[in-house]
Amino acid sequence: MSTVTFNISLPKTLANQVDEQIASGEFASRSEFFRMLLRLYETITQTVVKQPAPPLELLEYKKRPLKEVEDKMMATGKYSRKFVKGIVAGLKREGQYVDS
């Protein structure tokens, strides 16, 4: 069976929970943990919903300008400027967005 490797980003707390499962011996590796989650998703969808699992739509990640992220968050009217600035500062540190 051929395999494909890809990376995911998780908040530190979730990554720690995954690593705790591995340390407990429940899973041999992070890959095994996530393979189990995908199998569980398939099983739940087929047994609970009683339908074939809908295809997962995985979108290509595209870096966005931080200014665009900031403007879109502010446009929702849901967040204070201070909150949005904090989010943008965190994203800038992460390096996953284009500095605008």
N, C-alpha and C. Protein backbone atom coordinates (compact mmCIF):
# COMPACT_ATOMS: atom_id res chain seq x y z
N MET A 1 0.86 -1.18 0.00
CA MET A 1 0.00 0.00 0.00
C MET A 1 0.90 1.23 0.00
N SER A 2 0.68 2.11 -0.95
CA SER A 2 1.48 3.34 -0.95
C SER A 2 0.84 4.33 0.00
N THR A 3 1.66 5.20 0.53
CA THR A 3 1.17 6.20 1.48
C THR A 3 1.56 7.58 1.02
N VAL A 4 0.85 8.56 1.53
CA VAL A 4 1.13 9.96 1.27
C VAL A 4 1.34 10.62 2.62
N THR A 5 2.34 11.44 2.72
CA THR A 5 2.62 12.16 3.96
C THR A 5 2.15 13.59 3.82
N PHE A 6 1.48 14.09 4.85
CA PHE A 6 1.11 15.50 4.87
C PHE A 6 1.15 15.98 6.30
N ASN A 7 1.24 17.28 6.46
CA ASN A 7 1.33 17.89 7.78
C ASN A 7 0.03 18.58 8.13
N ILE A 8 -0.28 18.60 9.43
CA ILE A 8 -1.42 19.36 9.92
C ILE A 8 -0.94 20.25 11.06
N SER A 9 -1.64 21.33 11.27
CA SER A 9 -1.33 22.22 12.39
C SER A 9 -2.43 22.06 13.43
N LEU A 10 -2.03 21.94 14.69
CA LEU A 10 -2.97 21.81 15.79
C LEU A 10 -2.61 22.79 16.88
N PRO A 11 -3.61 23.24 17.62
CA PRO A 11 -3.27 24.02 18.82
C PRO A 11 -2.44 23.13 19.76
N LYS A 12 -1.58 23.74 20.51
CA LYS A 12 -0.68 23.01 21.41
C LYS A 12 -1.45 22.07 22.34
N THR A 13 -2.60 22.52 22.84
CA THR A 13 -3.36 21.68 23.77
C THR A 13 -3.84 20.39 23.10
N LEU A 14 -4.29 20.48 21.85
CA LEU A 14 -4.72 19.27 21.14
C LEU A 14 -3.53 18.37 20.83
N ALA A 15 -2.42 18.97 20.42
CA ALA A 15 -1.22 18.17 20.15
C ALA A 15 -0.78 17.43 21.41
N ASN A 16 -0.86 18.09 22.55
CA ASN A 16 -0.50 17.45 23.81
C ASN A 16 -1.42 16.28 24.12
N GLN A 17 -2.71 16.44 23.83
CA GLN A 17 -3.66 15.35 24.08
C GLN A 17 -3.35 14.14 23.20
N VAL A 18 -3.00 14.40 21.94
CA VAL A 18 -2.62 13.31 21.05
C VAL A 18 -1.38 12.61 21.60
N ASP A 19 -0.38 13.39 21.98
CA ASP A 19 0.86 12.81 22.50
C ASP A 19 0.63 12.04 23.80
N GLU A 20 -0.32 12.48 24.62
CA GLU A 20 -0.66 11.74 25.85
C GLU A 20 -1.24 10.37 25.51
N GLN A 21 -2.05 10.30 24.46
CA GLN A 21 -2.60 9.01 24.03
C GLN A 21 -1.48 8.08 23.57
N ILE A 22 -0.51 8.63 22.88
CA ILE A 22 0.62 7.82 22.41
C ILE A 22 1.44 7.36 23.60
N ALA A 23 1.72 8.27 24.53
CA ALA A 23 2.52 7.93 25.72
C ALA A 23 1.83 6.86 26.56
N SER A 24 0.50 6.85 26.57
CA SER A 24 -0.24 5.87 27.36
C SER A 24 -0.21 4.48 26.72
N GLY A 25 0.28 4.41 25.49
CA GLY A 25 0.33 3.13 24.80
C GLY A 25 -0.91 2.85 23.99
N GLU A 26 -1.85 3.76 24.00
CA GLU A 26 -3.10 3.58 23.26
C GLU A 26 -2.84 3.54 21.75
N PHE A 27 -1.87 4.33 21.31
CA PHE A 27 -1.50 4.39 19.89
C PHE A 27 0.01 4.37 19.78
N ALA A 28 0.50 3.83 18.68
CA ALA A 28 1.94 3.73 18.49
C ALA A 28 2.55 5.02 17.96
N SER A 29 1.74 5.82 17.27
CA SER A 29 2.27 7.03 16.65
C SER A 29 1.15 8.03 16.40
N ARG A 30 1.54 9.24 16.08
CA ARG A 30 0.54 10.25 15.70
C ARG A 30 -0.22 9.81 14.46
N SER A 31 0.50 9.23 13.51
CA SER A 31 -0.15 8.76 12.28
C SER A 31 -1.23 7.74 12.59
N GLU A 32 -0.91 6.80 13.49
CA GLU A 32 -1.89 5.78 13.85
C GLU A 32 -3.12 6.44 14.49
N PHE A 33 -2.91 7.42 15.33
CA PHE A 33 -4.02 8.13 15.97
C PHE A 33 -4.94 8.76 14.92
N PHE A 34 -4.36 9.46 13.95
CA PHE A 34 -5.19 10.14 12.95
C PHE A 34 -5.82 9.16 11.96
N ARG A 35 -5.15 8.04 11.67
CA ARG A 35 -5.78 7.02 10.84
C ARG A 35 -7.03 6.47 11.54
N MET A 36 -6.91 6.27 12.87
CA MET A 36 -8.06 5.80 13.64
C MET A 36 -9.20 6.80 13.56
N LEU A 37 -8.88 8.10 13.68
CA LEU A 37 -9.93 9.12 13.60
C LEU A 37 -10.65 9.08 12.25
N LEU A 38 -9.90 8.90 11.18
CA LEU A 38 -10.52 8.84 9.86
C LEU A 38 -11.39 7.60 9.72
N ARG A 39 -10.91 6.46 10.26
CA ARG A 39 -11.74 5.25 10.23
C ARG A 39 -13.01 5.44 11.05
N LEU A 40 -12.87 6.08 12.20
CA LEU A 40 -14.03 6.34 13.06
C LEU A 40 -15.03 7.24 12.35
N TYR A 41 -14.55 8.26 11.68
CA TYR A 41 -15.42 9.15 10.91
C TYR A 41 -16.21 8.34 9.88
N GLU A 42 -15.52 7.47 9.18
CA GLU A 42 -16.16 6.64 8.16
C GLU A 42 -17.21 5.73 8.80
N THR A 43 -16.87 5.10 9.91
CA THR A 43 -17.79 4.19 10.60
C THR A 43 -19.02 4.92 11.11
N ILE A 44 -18.81 6.04 11.77
CA ILE A 44 -19.94 6.81 12.31
C ILE A 44 -20.85 7.27 11.19
N THR A 45 -20.28 7.75 10.14
CA THR A 45 -21.09 8.24 9.02
C THR A 45 -21.92 7.11 8.44
N GLN A 46 -21.33 5.93 8.30
CA GLN A 46 -22.05 4.81 7.69
C GLN A 46 -23.05 4.16 8.63
N THR A 47 -22.77 4.11 9.94
CA THR A 47 -23.67 3.41 10.85
C THR A 47 -24.70 4.32 11.49
N VAL A 48 -24.32 5.51 11.88
CA VAL A 48 -25.25 6.42 12.54
C VAL A 48 -26.11 7.12 11.51
N VAL A 49 -25.48 7.66 10.51
CA VAL A 49 -26.21 8.40 9.49
C VAL A 49 -26.79 7.44 8.45
N LYS A 50 -26.21 6.23 8.38
CA LYS A 50 -26.63 5.19 7.44
C LYS A 50 -26.56 5.66 5.99
N GLN A 51 -25.54 6.39 5.71
CA GLN A 51 -25.26 6.84 4.35
C GLN A 51 -23.77 6.68 4.13
N PRO A 52 -23.38 6.57 2.89
CA PRO A 52 -21.94 6.59 2.64
C PRO A 52 -21.37 7.93 3.11
N ALA A 53 -20.18 7.88 3.58
CA ALA A 53 -19.53 9.12 4.03
C ALA A 53 -19.41 10.06 2.85
N PRO A 54 -19.80 11.31 3.04
CA PRO A 54 -19.61 12.27 1.96
C PRO A 54 -18.12 12.46 1.72
N PRO A 55 -17.75 12.74 0.50
CA PRO A 55 -16.33 12.96 0.27
C PRO A 55 -15.85 14.17 1.08
N LEU A 56 -14.68 14.02 1.66
CA LEU A 56 -14.11 15.14 2.39
C LEU A 56 -13.59 16.15 1.39
N GLU A 57 -13.99 17.38 1.56
CA GLU A 57 -13.48 18.43 0.69
C GLU A 57 -12.30 19.08 1.38
N LEU A 58 -11.12 18.75 0.91
CA LEU A 58 -9.90 19.31 1.48
C LEU A 58 -9.42 20.42 0.56
N LEU A 59 -9.41 21.61 1.08
CA LEU A 59 -9.03 22.77 0.28
C LEU A 59 -7.54 23.04 0.40
N GLU A 60 -6.96 23.45 -0.68
CA GLU A 60 -5.54 23.81 -0.67
C GLU A 60 -5.35 25.05 0.20
N TYR A 61 -4.35 24.99 1.06
CA TYR A 61 -4.05 26.13 1.92
C TYR A 61 -3.36 27.20 1.09
N LYS A 62 -3.85 28.41 1.18
CA LYS A 62 -3.23 29.54 0.48
C LYS A 62 -2.95 30.62 1.51
N LYS A 63 -1.72 31.07 1.51
CA LYS A 63 -1.37 32.16 2.42
C LYS A 63 -2.16 33.40 2.05
N ARG A 64 -2.66 34.08 3.05
CA ARG A 64 -3.44 35.29 2.85
C ARG A 64 -2.70 36.46 3.48
N PRO A 65 -2.83 37.64 2.90
CA PRO A 65 -2.23 38.81 3.54
C PRO A 65 -2.89 39.05 4.90
N LEU A 66 -2.09 39.37 5.88
CA LEU A 66 -2.61 39.64 7.22
C LEU A 66 -3.64 40.76 7.21
N LYS A 67 -3.43 41.75 6.37
CA LYS A 67 -4.37 42.87 6.27
C LYS A 67 -5.74 42.37 5.82
N GLU A 68 -5.75 41.43 4.89
CA GLU A 68 -7.01 40.85 4.42
C GLU A 68 -7.72 40.10 5.55
N VAL A 69 -6.96 39.33 6.32
CA VAL A 69 -7.54 38.60 7.45
C VAL A 69 -8.13 39.59 8.46
N GLU A 70 -7.35 40.62 8.77
CA GLU A 70 -7.80 41.65 9.72
C GLU A 70 -9.08 42.33 9.23
N ASP A 71 -9.07 42.74 7.97
CA ASP A 71 -10.24 43.45 7.42
C ASP A 71 -11.49 42.57 7.44
N LYS A 72 -11.33 41.30 7.09
CA LYS A 72 -12.49 40.40 7.06
C LYS A 72 -13.03 40.15 8.46
N MET A 73 -12.14 40.02 9.44
CA MET A 73 -12.60 39.84 10.82
C MET A 73 -13.34 41.08 11.31
N MET A 74 -12.79 42.25 11.02
CA MET A 74 -13.44 43.50 11.45
C MET A 74 -14.78 43.68 10.76
N ALA A 75 -14.88 43.27 9.50
CA ALA A 75 -16.11 43.45 8.73
C ALA A 75 -17.28 42.64 9.30
N THR A 76 -16.98 41.57 10.04
CA THR A 76 -18.07 40.77 10.62
C THR A 76 -18.80 41.53 11.72
N GLY A 77 -18.11 42.49 12.35
CA GLY A 77 -18.70 43.23 13.46
C GLY A 77 -18.76 42.43 14.76
N LYS A 78 -18.19 41.24 14.77
CA LYS A 78 -18.25 40.36 15.94
C LYS A 78 -17.10 40.57 16.91
N TYR A 79 -16.02 41.20 16.46
CA TYR A 79 -14.80 41.24 17.26
C TYR A 79 -14.35 42.67 17.52
N SER A 80 -13.77 42.90 18.68
CA SER A 80 -13.22 44.22 18.98
C SER A 80 -11.90 44.39 18.22
N ARG A 81 -11.50 45.62 18.00
CA ARG A 81 -10.23 45.89 17.32
C ARG A 81 -9.07 45.27 18.09
N LYS A 82 -9.11 45.38 19.43
CA LYS A 82 -8.03 44.83 20.26
C LYS A 82 -7.92 43.31 20.05
N PHE A 83 -9.05 42.63 20.01
CA PHE A 83 -9.06 41.18 19.80
C PHE A 83 -8.46 40.84 18.44
N VAL A 84 -8.92 41.54 17.40
CA VAL A 84 -8.45 41.27 16.04
C VAL A 84 -6.94 41.53 15.95
N LYS A 85 -6.48 42.63 16.54
CA LYS A 85 -5.04 42.93 16.51
C LYS A 85 -4.25 41.81 17.19
N GLY A 86 -4.78 41.27 18.28
CA GLY A 86 -4.12 40.16 18.97
C GLY A 86 -4.05 38.92 18.11
N ILE A 87 -5.13 38.61 17.41
CA ILE A 87 -5.15 37.46 16.51
C ILE A 87 -4.13 37.65 15.39
N VAL A 88 -4.13 38.83 14.79
CA VAL A 88 -3.21 39.12 13.68
C VAL A 88 -1.76 39.03 14.16
N ALA A 89 -1.48 39.52 15.37
CA ALA A 89 -0.12 39.43 15.91
C ALA A 89 0.29 37.97 16.08
N GLY A 90 -0.63 37.14 16.55
CA GLY A 90 -0.33 35.71 16.70
C GLY A 90 -0.10 35.04 15.37
N LEU A 91 -0.92 35.37 14.38
CA LEU A 91 -0.74 34.80 13.04
C LEU A 91 0.59 35.22 12.44
N LYS A 92 0.97 36.45 12.70
CA LYS A 92 2.25 36.95 12.18
C LYS A 92 3.41 36.14 12.78
N ARG A 93 3.32 35.84 14.08
CA ARG A 93 4.37 35.05 14.72
C ARG A 93 4.42 33.64 14.16
N GLU A 94 3.26 33.08 13.82
CA GLU A 94 3.18 31.73 13.27
C GLU A 94 3.88 31.64 11.92
N GLY A 95 3.84 32.71 11.16
CA GLY A 95 4.47 32.71 9.84
C GLY A 95 3.66 32.03 8.76
N GLN A 96 2.38 31.74 9.03
CA GLN A 96 1.54 31.06 8.04
C GLN A 96 0.79 32.02 7.13
N TYR A 97 0.97 33.29 7.36
CA TYR A 97 0.28 34.29 6.56
C TYR A 97 1.29 35.27 5.99
N VAL A 98 0.91 35.91 4.91
CA VAL A 98 1.77 36.87 4.25
C VAL A 98 1.68 38.19 5.00
N ASP A 99 2.80 38.74 5.42
CA ASP A 99 2.80 40.03 6.09
C ASP A 99 2.42 41.10 5.09
N SER A 100 1.44 41.92 5.46
CA SER A 100 0.98 42.94 4.51
C SER A 100 1.49 44.30 4.88
